[in-house]
Amino acid sequence: MLNYFKLMLKDKKFQKAVMLIAVPLMMQQLVVSSVNLIDNLMVGQLGDVALSGVSMANRFYMIVWAGVNGMIASSVIYLSQYNGAKDEKHMKQSFRFMIVSSYFLCIPLFLIAFIFPEFIIAFFIKDAAVIEAGSAYLKVAALSYLPSVISLCIASALRALGDTKKPLVISIVSVLTNAIFNYCLIFGVFGFPQLGVVGAAFATLIARIV
């Protein structure tokens, strides 16, 4: 094993290939994670109640994301293998399965969050004011689950095919979109309505559609 690692470290071509895939991938994950961080930073200026409500709603999103990501990760394994074998038919089949299985898991969770947002927030915290703020945010933000799934599927498929640059660029554009609409819709600037917590949810929805 030690000799294998020594040979790997000497192989500059291999190292370069790994870094070309790994660095954009790490940066993209950082950028994607910052969408919720931007929400928390801007909503924090509305007070502790608003911040707590958004944080509770984003906890549920992380649960949805973890489940969907598990479905995607299992499908990506086969997509990568079939790509190596140049088997286009089964590559398409793996991609279709990725989308269908991800939505099969996501849609029930989306419906629960959209129809019963108070129940979801109350599961994490019992403060009535926080539940009200979090529910208002979650009802709109839950709509973003649907475009998020197809986005994750496409980005994961591209990475499986060795293309990590396009998902990174699109993620950066998405985060910038989220930051701009957060500022406009939370605080009501540039002619936009001042929506507070709900504005942050709409900004998240727009960013994830992008």
N, C-alpha and C. Protein backbone atom coordinates (compact mmCIF):
# COMPACT_ATOMS: atom_id res chain seq x y z
N MET A 1 0.83 -1.21 0.00
CA MET A 1 0.00 0.00 0.00
C MET A 1 0.87 1.26 0.00
N LEU A 2 1.92 1.25 0.81
CA LEU A 2 2.80 2.41 0.89
C LEU A 2 3.49 2.66 -0.46
N ASN A 3 3.93 1.58 -1.10
CA ASN A 3 4.55 1.72 -2.41
C ASN A 3 3.58 2.28 -3.44
N TYR A 4 2.31 1.88 -3.31
CA TYR A 4 1.29 2.38 -4.23
C TYR A 4 1.14 3.89 -4.10
N PHE A 5 1.11 4.38 -2.86
CA PHE A 5 0.98 5.82 -2.63
C PHE A 5 2.22 6.58 -3.12
N LYS A 6 3.38 5.97 -2.96
CA LYS A 6 4.61 6.61 -3.44
C LYS A 6 4.58 6.75 -4.96
N LEU A 7 4.11 5.69 -5.64
CA LEU A 7 4.01 5.74 -7.09
C LEU A 7 2.98 6.79 -7.53
N MET A 8 1.88 6.86 -6.77
CA MET A 8 0.83 7.81 -7.10
C MET A 8 1.32 9.25 -6.95
N LEU A 9 2.12 9.50 -5.91
CA LEU A 9 2.65 10.85 -5.69
C LEU A 9 3.66 11.25 -6.76
N LYS A 10 4.33 10.26 -7.34
CA LYS A 10 5.30 10.55 -8.40
C LYS A 10 4.63 10.77 -9.75
N ASP A 11 3.37 10.31 -9.87
CA ASP A 11 2.66 10.42 -11.14
C ASP A 11 2.03 11.80 -11.25
N LYS A 12 2.74 12.74 -11.85
CA LYS A 12 2.27 14.12 -11.95
C LYS A 12 1.02 14.24 -12.83
N LYS A 13 0.94 13.42 -13.85
CA LYS A 13 -0.22 13.45 -14.73
C LYS A 13 -1.48 13.05 -13.98
N PHE A 14 -1.35 12.02 -13.14
CA PHE A 14 -2.48 11.56 -12.33
C PHE A 14 -2.90 12.64 -11.34
N GLN A 15 -1.92 13.25 -10.68
CA GLN A 15 -2.21 14.30 -9.71
C GLN A 15 -2.94 15.47 -10.36
N LYS A 16 -2.50 15.85 -11.54
CA LYS A 16 -3.13 16.96 -12.25
C LYS A 16 -4.57 16.63 -12.61
N ALA A 17 -4.80 15.39 -13.06
CA ALA A 17 -6.15 14.97 -13.43
C ALA A 17 -7.09 14.99 -12.22
N VAL A 18 -6.56 14.53 -11.07
CA VAL A 18 -7.36 14.53 -9.85
C VAL A 18 -7.70 15.95 -9.41
N MET A 19 -6.72 16.83 -9.46
CA MET A 19 -6.94 18.20 -9.01
C MET A 19 -7.91 18.94 -9.92
N LEU A 20 -7.87 18.65 -11.21
CA LEU A 20 -8.79 19.30 -12.15
C LEU A 20 -10.24 18.93 -11.86
N ILE A 21 -10.44 17.76 -11.28
CA ILE A 21 -11.79 17.33 -10.91
C ILE A 21 -12.12 17.75 -9.48
N ALA A 22 -11.17 17.57 -8.57
CA ALA A 22 -11.45 17.77 -7.14
C ALA A 22 -11.63 19.23 -6.76
N VAL A 23 -10.77 20.11 -7.27
CA VAL A 23 -10.83 21.52 -6.86
C VAL A 23 -12.15 22.18 -7.26
N PRO A 24 -12.59 22.07 -8.54
CA PRO A 24 -13.90 22.65 -8.87
C PRO A 24 -15.04 22.02 -8.08
N LEU A 25 -14.93 20.71 -7.80
CA LEU A 25 -15.97 20.02 -7.03
C LEU A 25 -16.05 20.57 -5.62
N MET A 26 -14.91 20.75 -4.97
CA MET A 26 -14.90 21.30 -3.61
C MET A 26 -15.43 22.72 -3.59
N MET A 27 -15.04 23.50 -4.59
CA MET A 27 -15.51 24.88 -4.65
C MET A 27 -17.01 24.95 -4.88
N GLN A 28 -17.53 24.03 -5.71
CA GLN A 28 -18.96 24.03 -5.97
C GLN A 28 -19.74 23.69 -4.71
N GLN A 29 -19.27 22.69 -3.96
CA GLN A 29 -19.96 22.32 -2.72
C GLN A 29 -19.95 23.49 -1.73
N LEU A 30 -18.85 24.21 -1.69
CA LEU A 30 -18.76 25.39 -0.83
C LEU A 30 -19.76 26.46 -1.26
N VAL A 31 -19.84 26.68 -2.55
CA VAL A 31 -20.75 27.70 -3.09
C VAL A 31 -22.20 27.31 -2.82
N VAL A 32 -22.55 26.05 -3.07
CA VAL A 32 -23.92 25.58 -2.85
C VAL A 32 -24.31 25.73 -1.38
N SER A 33 -23.40 25.36 -0.49
CA SER A 33 -23.68 25.46 0.95
C SER A 33 -23.88 26.90 1.39
N SER A 34 -23.29 27.83 0.66
CA SER A 34 -23.36 29.24 1.07
C SER A 34 -24.71 29.87 0.78
N VAL A 35 -25.59 29.20 0.00
CA VAL A 35 -26.92 29.75 -0.26
C VAL A 35 -27.68 29.93 1.04
N ASN A 36 -27.72 28.87 1.86
CA ASN A 36 -28.41 28.97 3.16
C ASN A 36 -27.67 29.92 4.10
N LEU A 37 -26.34 29.97 3.98
CA LEU A 37 -25.56 30.87 4.84
C LEU A 37 -25.91 32.33 4.55
N ILE A 38 -26.06 32.67 3.27
CA ILE A 38 -26.44 34.04 2.90
C ILE A 38 -27.81 34.38 3.47
N ASP A 39 -28.75 33.42 3.37
CA ASP A 39 -30.07 33.63 3.97
C ASP A 39 -29.95 33.98 5.45
N ASN A 40 -29.16 33.17 6.17
CA ASN A 40 -29.02 33.37 7.61
C ASN A 40 -28.38 34.72 7.95
N LEU A 41 -27.38 35.12 7.17
CA LEU A 41 -26.69 36.38 7.43
C LEU A 41 -27.62 37.58 7.23
N MET A 42 -28.39 37.56 6.14
CA MET A 42 -29.26 38.69 5.85
C MET A 42 -30.51 38.69 6.73
N VAL A 43 -31.07 37.51 6.95
CA VAL A 43 -32.26 37.42 7.80
C VAL A 43 -31.90 37.76 9.25
N GLY A 44 -30.64 37.51 9.63
CA GLY A 44 -30.20 37.84 10.99
C GLY A 44 -30.39 39.30 11.33
N GLN A 45 -30.41 40.16 10.29
CA GLN A 45 -30.62 41.59 10.53
C GLN A 45 -32.08 41.91 10.87
N LEU A 46 -32.97 40.93 10.69
CA LEU A 46 -34.38 41.12 11.04
C LEU A 46 -34.66 40.75 12.49
N GLY A 47 -33.68 40.15 13.16
CA GLY A 47 -33.86 39.79 14.56
C GLY A 47 -33.68 38.31 14.81
N ASP A 48 -33.60 37.95 16.08
CA ASP A 48 -33.35 36.56 16.47
C ASP A 48 -34.49 35.62 16.09
N VAL A 49 -35.72 36.10 16.19
CA VAL A 49 -36.87 35.24 15.89
C VAL A 49 -36.86 34.83 14.42
N ALA A 50 -36.65 35.82 13.54
CA ALA A 50 -36.60 35.53 12.10
C ALA A 50 -35.45 34.59 11.76
N LEU A 51 -34.29 34.84 12.36
CA LEU A 51 -33.12 34.00 12.10
C LEU A 51 -33.36 32.57 12.56
N SER A 52 -33.94 32.42 13.73
CA SER A 52 -34.22 31.07 14.25
C SER A 52 -35.22 30.34 13.37
N GLY A 53 -36.24 31.06 12.89
CA GLY A 53 -37.23 30.44 12.02
C GLY A 53 -36.63 29.92 10.73
N VAL A 54 -35.79 30.74 10.09
CA VAL A 54 -35.13 30.33 8.84
C VAL A 54 -34.18 29.17 9.09
N SER A 55 -33.46 29.22 10.21
CA SER A 55 -32.52 28.14 10.54
C SER A 55 -33.25 26.82 10.72
N MET A 56 -34.42 26.85 11.38
CA MET A 56 -35.20 25.62 11.57
C MET A 56 -35.70 25.09 10.22
N ALA A 57 -36.14 25.98 9.36
CA ALA A 57 -36.61 25.56 8.03
C ALA A 57 -35.48 24.94 7.22
N ASN A 58 -34.29 25.52 7.33
CA ASN A 58 -33.14 25.00 6.59
C ASN A 58 -32.66 23.66 7.13
N ARG A 59 -32.96 23.37 8.39
CA ARG A 59 -32.65 22.04 8.92
C ARG A 59 -33.43 20.97 8.16
N PHE A 60 -34.69 21.27 7.88
CA PHE A 60 -35.50 20.30 7.14
C PHE A 60 -34.97 20.14 5.71
N TYR A 61 -34.53 21.25 5.11
CA TYR A 61 -33.95 21.17 3.77
C TYR A 61 -32.72 20.26 3.77
N MET A 62 -31.91 20.33 4.81
CA MET A 62 -30.72 19.48 4.88
C MET A 62 -31.10 18.01 4.96
N ILE A 63 -32.22 17.71 5.61
CA ILE A 63 -32.71 16.32 5.66
C ILE A 63 -33.10 15.87 4.26
N VAL A 64 -33.86 16.72 3.56
CA VAL A 64 -34.26 16.40 2.18
C VAL A 64 -33.03 16.23 1.30
N TRP A 65 -32.08 17.17 1.43
CA TRP A 65 -30.87 17.13 0.61
C TRP A 65 -30.08 15.85 0.86
N ALA A 66 -29.98 15.43 2.12
CA ALA A 66 -29.21 14.22 2.44
C ALA A 66 -29.84 12.99 1.81
N GLY A 67 -31.18 12.91 1.86
CA GLY A 67 -31.86 11.75 1.27
C GLY A 67 -31.71 11.72 -0.24
N VAL A 68 -31.94 12.86 -0.88
CA VAL A 68 -31.84 12.94 -2.34
C VAL A 68 -30.39 12.69 -2.78
N ASN A 69 -29.45 13.24 -2.04
CA ASN A 69 -28.04 13.05 -2.39
C ASN A 69 -27.64 11.58 -2.32
N GLY A 70 -28.24 10.84 -1.39
CA GLY A 70 -27.97 9.41 -1.30
C GLY A 70 -28.46 8.67 -2.53
N MET A 71 -29.66 9.04 -3.01
CA MET A 71 -30.19 8.44 -4.24
C MET A 71 -29.28 8.77 -5.42
N ILE A 72 -28.87 10.02 -5.50
CA ILE A 72 -28.03 10.46 -6.62
C ILE A 72 -26.67 9.76 -6.59
N ALA A 73 -26.07 9.67 -5.41
CA ALA A 73 -24.74 9.07 -5.28
C ALA A 73 -24.74 7.62 -5.74
N SER A 74 -25.81 6.88 -5.41
CA SER A 74 -25.87 5.48 -5.83
C SER A 74 -26.02 5.36 -7.35
N SER A 75 -26.75 6.28 -7.95
CA SER A 75 -26.94 6.24 -9.40
C SER A 75 -25.68 6.66 -10.14
N VAL A 76 -24.94 7.62 -9.57
CA VAL A 76 -23.72 8.14 -10.21
C VAL A 76 -22.68 7.05 -10.37
N ILE A 77 -22.64 6.11 -9.44
CA ILE A 77 -21.68 5.00 -9.52
C ILE A 77 -21.87 4.25 -10.85
N TYR A 78 -23.13 3.92 -11.16
CA TYR A 78 -23.41 3.19 -12.40
C TYR A 78 -23.20 4.07 -13.62
N LEU A 79 -23.57 5.35 -13.50
CA LEU A 79 -23.37 6.27 -14.62
C LEU A 79 -21.89 6.36 -14.98
N SER A 80 -21.03 6.43 -13.98
CA SER A 80 -19.60 6.50 -14.22
C SER A 80 -19.07 5.22 -14.87
N GLN A 81 -19.56 4.08 -14.37
CA GLN A 81 -19.11 2.80 -14.92
C GLN A 81 -19.52 2.65 -16.38
N TYR A 82 -20.77 2.99 -16.67
CA TYR A 82 -21.25 2.87 -18.05
C TYR A 82 -20.58 3.89 -18.96
N ASN A 83 -20.22 5.05 -18.40
CA ASN A 83 -19.47 6.03 -19.19
C ASN A 83 -18.10 5.48 -19.56
N GLY A 84 -17.45 4.80 -18.62
CA GLY A 84 -16.15 4.18 -18.90
C GLY A 84 -16.24 3.09 -19.95
N ALA A 85 -17.40 2.40 -19.94
CA ALA A 85 -17.61 1.31 -20.91
C ALA A 85 -18.19 1.83 -22.23
N LYS A 86 -18.42 3.14 -22.33
CA LYS A 86 -19.00 3.76 -23.53
C LYS A 86 -20.38 3.17 -23.86
N ASP A 87 -21.12 2.84 -22.80
CA ASP A 87 -22.46 2.25 -22.95
C ASP A 87 -23.50 3.36 -22.79
N GLU A 88 -23.82 4.02 -23.89
CA GLU A 88 -24.70 5.19 -23.84
C GLU A 88 -26.12 4.83 -23.40
N LYS A 89 -26.60 3.67 -23.81
CA LYS A 89 -27.96 3.26 -23.47
C LYS A 89 -28.14 3.17 -21.96
N HIS A 90 -27.21 2.50 -21.29
CA HIS A 90 -27.33 2.33 -19.84
C HIS A 90 -26.94 3.61 -19.09
N MET A 91 -26.15 4.46 -19.71
CA MET A 91 -25.89 5.77 -19.10
C MET A 91 -27.19 6.57 -18.99
N LYS A 92 -27.96 6.58 -20.08
CA LYS A 92 -29.25 7.27 -20.07
C LYS A 92 -30.21 6.62 -19.07
N GLN A 93 -30.17 5.31 -19.00
CA GLN A 93 -31.04 4.60 -18.06
C GLN A 93 -30.68 4.96 -16.62
N SER A 94 -29.39 5.04 -16.33
CA SER A 94 -28.95 5.42 -14.98
C SER A 94 -29.37 6.84 -14.64
N PHE A 95 -29.28 7.74 -15.62
CA PHE A 95 -29.67 9.13 -15.40
C PHE A 95 -31.17 9.24 -15.17
N ARG A 96 -31.95 8.49 -15.93
CA ARG A 96 -33.41 8.49 -15.72
C ARG A 96 -33.75 7.97 -14.33
N PHE A 97 -33.09 6.89 -13.93
CA PHE A 97 -33.34 6.33 -12.59
C PHE A 97 -32.98 7.34 -11.51
N MET A 98 -31.89 8.07 -11.72
CA MET A 98 -31.46 9.09 -10.76
C MET A 98 -32.55 10.13 -10.55
N ILE A 99 -33.13 10.61 -11.65
CA ILE A 99 -34.16 11.64 -11.57
C ILE A 99 -35.43 11.09 -10.93
N VAL A 100 -35.89 9.95 -11.40
CA VAL A 100 -37.16 9.38 -10.91
C VAL A 100 -37.07 9.04 -9.43
N SER A 101 -35.99 8.38 -9.01
CA SER A 101 -35.86 7.97 -7.60
C SER A 101 -35.71 9.19 -6.69
N SER A 102 -35.02 10.22 -7.18
CA SER A 102 -34.83 11.43 -6.37
C SER A 102 -36.16 12.15 -6.14
N TYR A 103 -36.95 12.26 -7.21
CA TYR A 103 -38.26 12.90 -7.06
C TYR A 103 -39.23 12.03 -6.27
N PHE A 104 -39.08 10.72 -6.39
CA PHE A 104 -39.91 9.80 -5.61
C PHE A 104 -39.73 10.05 -4.11
N LEU A 105 -38.53 10.39 -3.71
CA LEU A 105 -38.25 10.71 -2.31
C LEU A 105 -38.61 12.16 -1.99
N CYS A 106 -38.31 13.07 -2.91
CA CYS A 106 -38.46 14.50 -2.64
C CYS A 106 -39.91 14.97 -2.59
N ILE A 107 -40.75 14.49 -3.50
CA ILE A 107 -42.11 15.01 -3.62
C ILE A 107 -42.93 14.83 -2.34
N PRO A 108 -42.92 13.66 -1.69
CA PRO A 108 -43.67 13.56 -0.42
C PRO A 108 -43.15 14.53 0.65
N LEU A 109 -41.82 14.71 0.73
CA LEU A 109 -41.26 15.65 1.71
C LEU A 109 -41.62 17.09 1.36
N PHE A 110 -41.64 17.39 0.06
CA PHE A 110 -42.06 18.73 -0.38
C PHE A 110 -43.51 18.99 0.01
N LEU A 111 -44.40 18.02 -0.21
CA LEU A 111 -45.81 18.19 0.11
C LEU A 111 -46.03 18.39 1.61
N ILE A 112 -45.29 17.65 2.42
CA ILE A 112 -45.40 17.81 3.87
C ILE A 112 -44.97 19.22 4.28
N ALA A 113 -43.83 19.67 3.72
CA ALA A 113 -43.32 21.00 4.07
C ALA A 113 -44.24 22.11 3.57
N PHE A 114 -44.83 21.92 2.39
CA PHE A 114 -45.68 22.94 1.80
C PHE A 114 -47.05 23.02 2.49
N ILE A 115 -47.61 21.86 2.83
CA ILE A 115 -48.96 21.82 3.42
C ILE A 115 -48.93 21.99 4.93
N PHE A 116 -47.91 21.40 5.57
CA PHE A 116 -47.85 21.45 7.03
C PHE A 116 -46.54 22.08 7.52
N PRO A 117 -46.23 23.31 7.12
CA PRO A 117 -44.96 23.92 7.55
C PRO A 117 -44.87 24.12 9.07
N GLU A 118 -46.02 24.42 9.70
CA GLU A 118 -46.01 24.62 11.15
C GLU A 118 -45.60 23.35 11.88
N PHE A 119 -46.07 22.21 11.37
CA PHE A 119 -45.73 20.92 11.99
C PHE A 119 -44.23 20.66 11.90
N ILE A 120 -43.64 20.97 10.74
CA ILE A 120 -42.21 20.75 10.54
C ILE A 120 -41.38 21.61 11.50
N ILE A 121 -41.69 22.90 11.57
CA ILE A 121 -40.92 23.80 12.44
C ILE A 121 -41.13 23.44 13.90
N ALA A 122 -42.36 23.07 14.28
CA ALA A 122 -42.65 22.71 15.67
C ALA A 122 -41.91 21.44 16.09
N PHE A 123 -41.53 20.63 15.11
CA PHE A 123 -40.76 19.42 15.41
C PHE A 123 -39.38 19.78 15.95
N PHE A 124 -38.84 20.94 15.53
CA PHE A 124 -37.51 21.36 15.93
C PHE A 124 -37.52 22.31 17.13
N ILE A 125 -38.59 23.09 17.27
CA ILE A 125 -38.63 24.12 18.32
C ILE A 125 -40.08 24.39 18.71
N LYS A 126 -40.30 24.82 19.95
CA LYS A 126 -41.67 25.02 20.45
C LYS A 126 -42.06 26.48 20.61
N ASP A 127 -41.15 27.39 20.33
CA ASP A 127 -41.44 28.82 20.47
C ASP A 127 -42.43 29.24 19.38
N ALA A 128 -43.58 29.82 19.81
CA ALA A 128 -44.65 30.17 18.87
C ALA A 128 -44.21 31.20 17.83
N ALA A 129 -43.45 32.19 18.25
CA ALA A 129 -43.00 33.24 17.33
C ALA A 129 -42.05 32.67 16.28
N VAL A 130 -41.16 31.79 16.70
CA VAL A 130 -40.21 31.16 15.77
C VAL A 130 -40.95 30.25 14.79
N ILE A 131 -41.95 29.52 15.30
CA ILE A 131 -42.75 28.64 14.44
C ILE A 131 -43.46 29.45 13.35
N GLU A 132 -44.00 30.60 13.75
CA GLU A 132 -44.70 31.45 12.78
C GLU A 132 -43.74 31.95 11.70
N ALA A 133 -42.58 32.45 12.10
CA ALA A 133 -41.60 32.96 11.13
C ALA A 133 -41.06 31.84 10.25
N GLY A 134 -40.72 30.72 10.87
CA GLY A 134 -40.18 29.59 10.11
C GLY A 134 -41.18 29.01 9.14
N SER A 135 -42.44 28.96 9.54
CA SER A 135 -43.49 28.42 8.67
C SER A 135 -43.70 29.29 7.44
N ALA A 136 -43.68 30.61 7.64
CA ALA A 136 -43.84 31.54 6.52
C ALA A 136 -42.71 31.36 5.51
N TYR A 137 -41.50 31.16 6.02
CA TYR A 137 -40.35 30.94 5.14
C TYR A 137 -40.43 29.58 4.45
N LEU A 138 -40.75 28.53 5.22
CA LEU A 138 -40.71 27.17 4.69
C LEU A 138 -41.76 26.95 3.60
N LYS A 139 -42.92 27.56 3.74
CA LYS A 139 -44.00 27.33 2.77
C LYS A 139 -43.57 27.76 1.36
N VAL A 140 -42.80 28.84 1.27
CA VAL A 140 -42.30 29.29 -0.03
C VAL A 140 -41.02 28.54 -0.40
N ALA A 141 -40.12 28.40 0.56
CA ALA A 141 -38.83 27.75 0.29
C ALA A 141 -39.01 26.29 -0.13
N ALA A 142 -40.09 25.65 0.33
CA ALA A 142 -40.33 24.25 -0.04
C ALA A 142 -40.47 24.09 -1.55
N LEU A 143 -40.97 25.13 -2.22
CA LEU A 143 -41.11 25.08 -3.68
C LEU A 143 -39.75 24.93 -4.37
N SER A 144 -38.69 25.38 -3.67
CA SER A 144 -37.35 25.30 -4.26
C SER A 144 -36.80 23.88 -4.26
N TYR A 145 -37.44 22.97 -3.52
CA TYR A 145 -36.96 21.59 -3.50
C TYR A 145 -37.05 20.97 -4.89
N LEU A 146 -38.10 21.32 -5.63
CA LEU A 146 -38.34 20.69 -6.93
C LEU A 146 -37.28 21.05 -7.96
N PRO A 147 -36.95 22.34 -8.17
CA PRO A 147 -35.85 22.63 -9.10
C PRO A 147 -34.49 22.19 -8.55
N SER A 148 -34.35 22.14 -7.22
CA SER A 148 -33.07 21.71 -6.64
C SER A 148 -32.73 20.28 -7.04
N VAL A 149 -33.73 19.42 -7.09
CA VAL A 149 -33.49 18.01 -7.39
C VAL A 149 -32.94 17.84 -8.80
N ILE A 150 -33.59 18.46 -9.79
CA ILE A 150 -33.11 18.31 -11.17
C ILE A 150 -31.73 18.94 -11.31
N SER A 151 -31.50 20.03 -10.58
CA SER A 151 -30.19 20.69 -10.61
C SER A 151 -29.11 19.77 -10.06
N LEU A 152 -29.39 19.14 -8.93
CA LEU A 152 -28.43 18.21 -8.33
C LEU A 152 -28.16 17.02 -9.23
N CYS A 153 -29.21 16.53 -9.89
CA CYS A 153 -29.05 15.38 -10.79
C CYS A 153 -28.15 15.72 -11.97
N ILE A 154 -28.42 16.87 -12.58
CA ILE A 154 -27.63 17.27 -13.75
C ILE A 154 -26.17 17.54 -13.36
N ALA A 155 -25.99 18.26 -12.24
CA ALA A 155 -24.62 18.57 -11.79
C ALA A 155 -23.85 17.30 -11.47
N SER A 156 -24.52 16.35 -10.81
CA SER A 156 -23.86 15.09 -10.44
C SER A 156 -23.52 14.27 -11.68
N ALA A 157 -24.42 14.29 -12.67
CA ALA A 157 -24.16 13.55 -13.92
C ALA A 157 -22.98 14.16 -14.66
N LEU A 158 -22.91 15.49 -14.70
CA LEU A 158 -21.79 16.16 -15.35
C LEU A 158 -20.47 15.81 -14.67
N ARG A 159 -20.49 15.80 -13.33
CA ARG A 159 -19.26 15.44 -12.60
C ARG A 159 -18.86 14.00 -12.87
N ALA A 160 -19.86 13.13 -12.99
CA ALA A 160 -19.56 11.72 -13.27
C ALA A 160 -18.90 11.56 -14.64
N LEU A 161 -19.20 12.50 -15.55
CA LEU A 161 -18.60 12.46 -16.88
C LEU A 161 -17.30 13.25 -16.95
N GLY A 162 -16.87 13.79 -15.78
CA GLY A 162 -15.60 14.50 -15.72
C GLY A 162 -15.69 15.99 -15.93
N ASP A 163 -16.91 16.54 -16.05
CA ASP A 163 -17.08 17.98 -16.26
C ASP A 163 -17.49 18.63 -14.94
N THR A 164 -16.53 19.24 -14.26
CA THR A 164 -16.81 19.89 -12.98
C THR A 164 -16.88 21.40 -13.09
N LYS A 165 -16.54 21.93 -14.25
CA LYS A 165 -16.48 23.39 -14.41
C LYS A 165 -17.87 24.00 -14.59
N LYS A 166 -18.72 23.38 -15.41
CA LYS A 166 -20.05 23.94 -15.65
C LYS A 166 -20.87 24.01 -14.36
N PRO A 167 -20.93 22.94 -13.55
CA PRO A 167 -21.68 23.05 -12.29
C PRO A 167 -21.14 24.14 -11.37
N LEU A 168 -19.82 24.34 -11.38
CA LEU A 168 -19.23 25.38 -10.54
C LEU A 168 -19.67 26.77 -11.00
N VAL A 169 -19.59 27.01 -12.30
CA VAL A 169 -19.98 28.33 -12.84
C VAL A 169 -21.45 28.61 -12.55
N ILE A 170 -22.31 27.61 -12.79
CA ILE A 170 -23.74 27.79 -12.56
C ILE A 170 -24.03 28.02 -11.08
N SER A 171 -23.31 27.34 -10.20
CA SER A 171 -23.50 27.51 -8.76
C SER A 171 -23.13 28.93 -8.32
N ILE A 172 -22.05 29.45 -8.89
CA ILE A 172 -21.63 30.82 -8.56
C ILE A 172 -22.70 31.82 -9.00
N VAL A 173 -23.24 31.64 -10.21
CA VAL A 173 -24.31 32.51 -10.70
C VAL A 173 -25.53 32.41 -9.78
N SER A 174 -25.84 31.20 -9.34
CA SER A 174 -26.98 30.98 -8.46
C SER A 174 -26.82 31.70 -7.12
N VAL A 175 -25.63 31.62 -6.55
CA VAL A 175 -25.38 32.27 -5.25
C VAL A 175 -25.46 33.79 -5.39
N LEU A 176 -24.91 34.34 -6.46
CA LEU A 176 -25.00 35.77 -6.69
C LEU A 176 -26.45 36.21 -6.86
N THR A 177 -27.23 35.39 -7.57
CA THR A 177 -28.66 35.67 -7.74
C THR A 177 -29.36 35.68 -6.39
N ASN A 178 -29.03 34.71 -5.56
CA ASN A 178 -29.64 34.62 -4.23
C ASN A 178 -29.31 35.84 -3.39
N ALA A 179 -28.05 36.27 -3.43
CA ALA A 179 -27.64 37.42 -2.63
C ALA A 179 -28.35 38.70 -3.07
N ILE A 180 -28.45 38.89 -4.39
CA ILE A 180 -29.08 40.10 -4.93
C ILE A 180 -30.57 40.14 -4.57
N PHE A 181 -31.28 39.04 -4.82
CA PHE A 181 -32.71 39.02 -4.54
C PHE A 181 -33.00 39.01 -3.04
N ASN A 182 -32.10 38.42 -2.26
CA ASN A 182 -32.24 38.52 -0.80
C ASN A 182 -32.26 39.98 -0.36
N TYR A 183 -31.28 40.71 -0.82
CA TYR A 183 -31.17 42.12 -0.44
C TYR A 183 -32.40 42.91 -0.89
N CYS A 184 -32.85 42.63 -2.11
CA CYS A 184 -33.98 43.39 -2.67
C CYS A 184 -35.30 43.04 -1.98
N LEU A 185 -35.54 41.75 -1.76
CA LEU A 185 -36.85 41.32 -1.27
C LEU A 185 -36.97 41.34 0.26
N ILE A 186 -35.85 41.17 0.96
CA ILE A 186 -35.91 41.23 2.42
C ILE A 186 -36.11 42.67 2.89
N PHE A 187 -35.35 43.58 2.31
CA PHE A 187 -35.34 44.96 2.79
C PHE A 187 -36.14 45.93 1.92
N GLY A 188 -36.65 45.46 0.78
CA GLY A 188 -37.49 46.29 -0.07
C GLY A 188 -36.77 47.44 -0.72
N VAL A 189 -35.69 47.17 -1.43
CA VAL A 189 -34.93 48.21 -2.12
C VAL A 189 -35.13 48.07 -3.63
N PHE A 190 -34.75 49.14 -4.38
CA PHE A 190 -34.83 49.17 -5.84
C PHE A 190 -36.25 48.89 -6.36
N GLY A 191 -37.25 49.32 -5.59
CA GLY A 191 -38.63 49.17 -6.04
C GLY A 191 -39.27 47.84 -5.71
N PHE A 192 -38.54 46.93 -5.09
CA PHE A 192 -39.10 45.64 -4.70
C PHE A 192 -39.89 45.78 -3.39
N PRO A 193 -40.90 44.91 -3.17
CA PRO A 193 -41.64 44.96 -1.90
C PRO A 193 -40.79 44.46 -0.75
N GLN A 194 -41.00 45.00 0.44
CA GLN A 194 -40.26 44.55 1.63
C GLN A 194 -41.01 43.37 2.24
N LEU A 195 -40.48 42.17 2.03
CA LEU A 195 -41.17 40.94 2.44
C LEU A 195 -40.55 40.26 3.65
N GLY A 196 -39.41 40.73 4.10
CA GLY A 196 -38.78 40.14 5.28
C GLY A 196 -38.40 38.69 5.07
N VAL A 197 -38.83 37.84 5.99
CA VAL A 197 -38.48 36.41 5.94
C VAL A 197 -39.00 35.76 4.66
N VAL A 198 -40.21 36.10 4.26
CA VAL A 198 -40.78 35.53 3.03
C VAL A 198 -39.96 35.95 1.81
N GLY A 199 -39.41 37.16 1.84
CA GLY A 199 -38.55 37.62 0.76
C GLY A 199 -37.31 36.75 0.62
N ALA A 200 -36.75 36.34 1.75
CA ALA A 200 -35.60 35.44 1.72
C ALA A 200 -35.96 34.10 1.08
N ALA A 201 -37.18 33.64 1.36
CA ALA A 201 -37.64 32.38 0.77
C ALA A 201 -37.80 32.50 -0.73
N PHE A 202 -38.37 33.62 -1.20
CA PHE A 202 -38.52 33.83 -2.64
C PHE A 202 -37.15 33.94 -3.32
N ALA A 203 -36.20 34.59 -2.66
CA ALA A 203 -34.85 34.71 -3.21
C ALA A 203 -34.21 33.33 -3.36
N THR A 204 -34.40 32.47 -2.36
CA THR A 204 -33.88 31.10 -2.42
C THR A 204 -34.52 30.33 -3.56
N LEU A 205 -35.83 30.50 -3.72
CA LEU A 205 -36.54 29.82 -4.82
C LEU A 205 -36.01 30.26 -6.17
N ILE A 206 -35.83 31.57 -6.36
CA ILE A 206 -35.32 32.08 -7.64
C ILE A 206 -33.91 31.56 -7.91
N ALA A 207 -33.06 31.57 -6.86
CA ALA A 207 -31.68 31.12 -7.01
C ALA A 207 -31.61 29.64 -7.39
N ARG A 208 -32.45 28.82 -6.79
CA ARG A 208 -32.40 27.39 -7.08
C ARG A 208 -33.01 27.06 -8.44
N ILE A 209 -33.94 27.89 -8.90
CA ILE A 209 -34.43 27.74 -10.28
C ILE A 209 -33.30 28.06 -11.26
N VAL A 210 -32.55 29.13 -10.97
CA VAL A 210 -31.40 29.49 -11.81
C VAL A 210 -30.38 28.36 -11.81
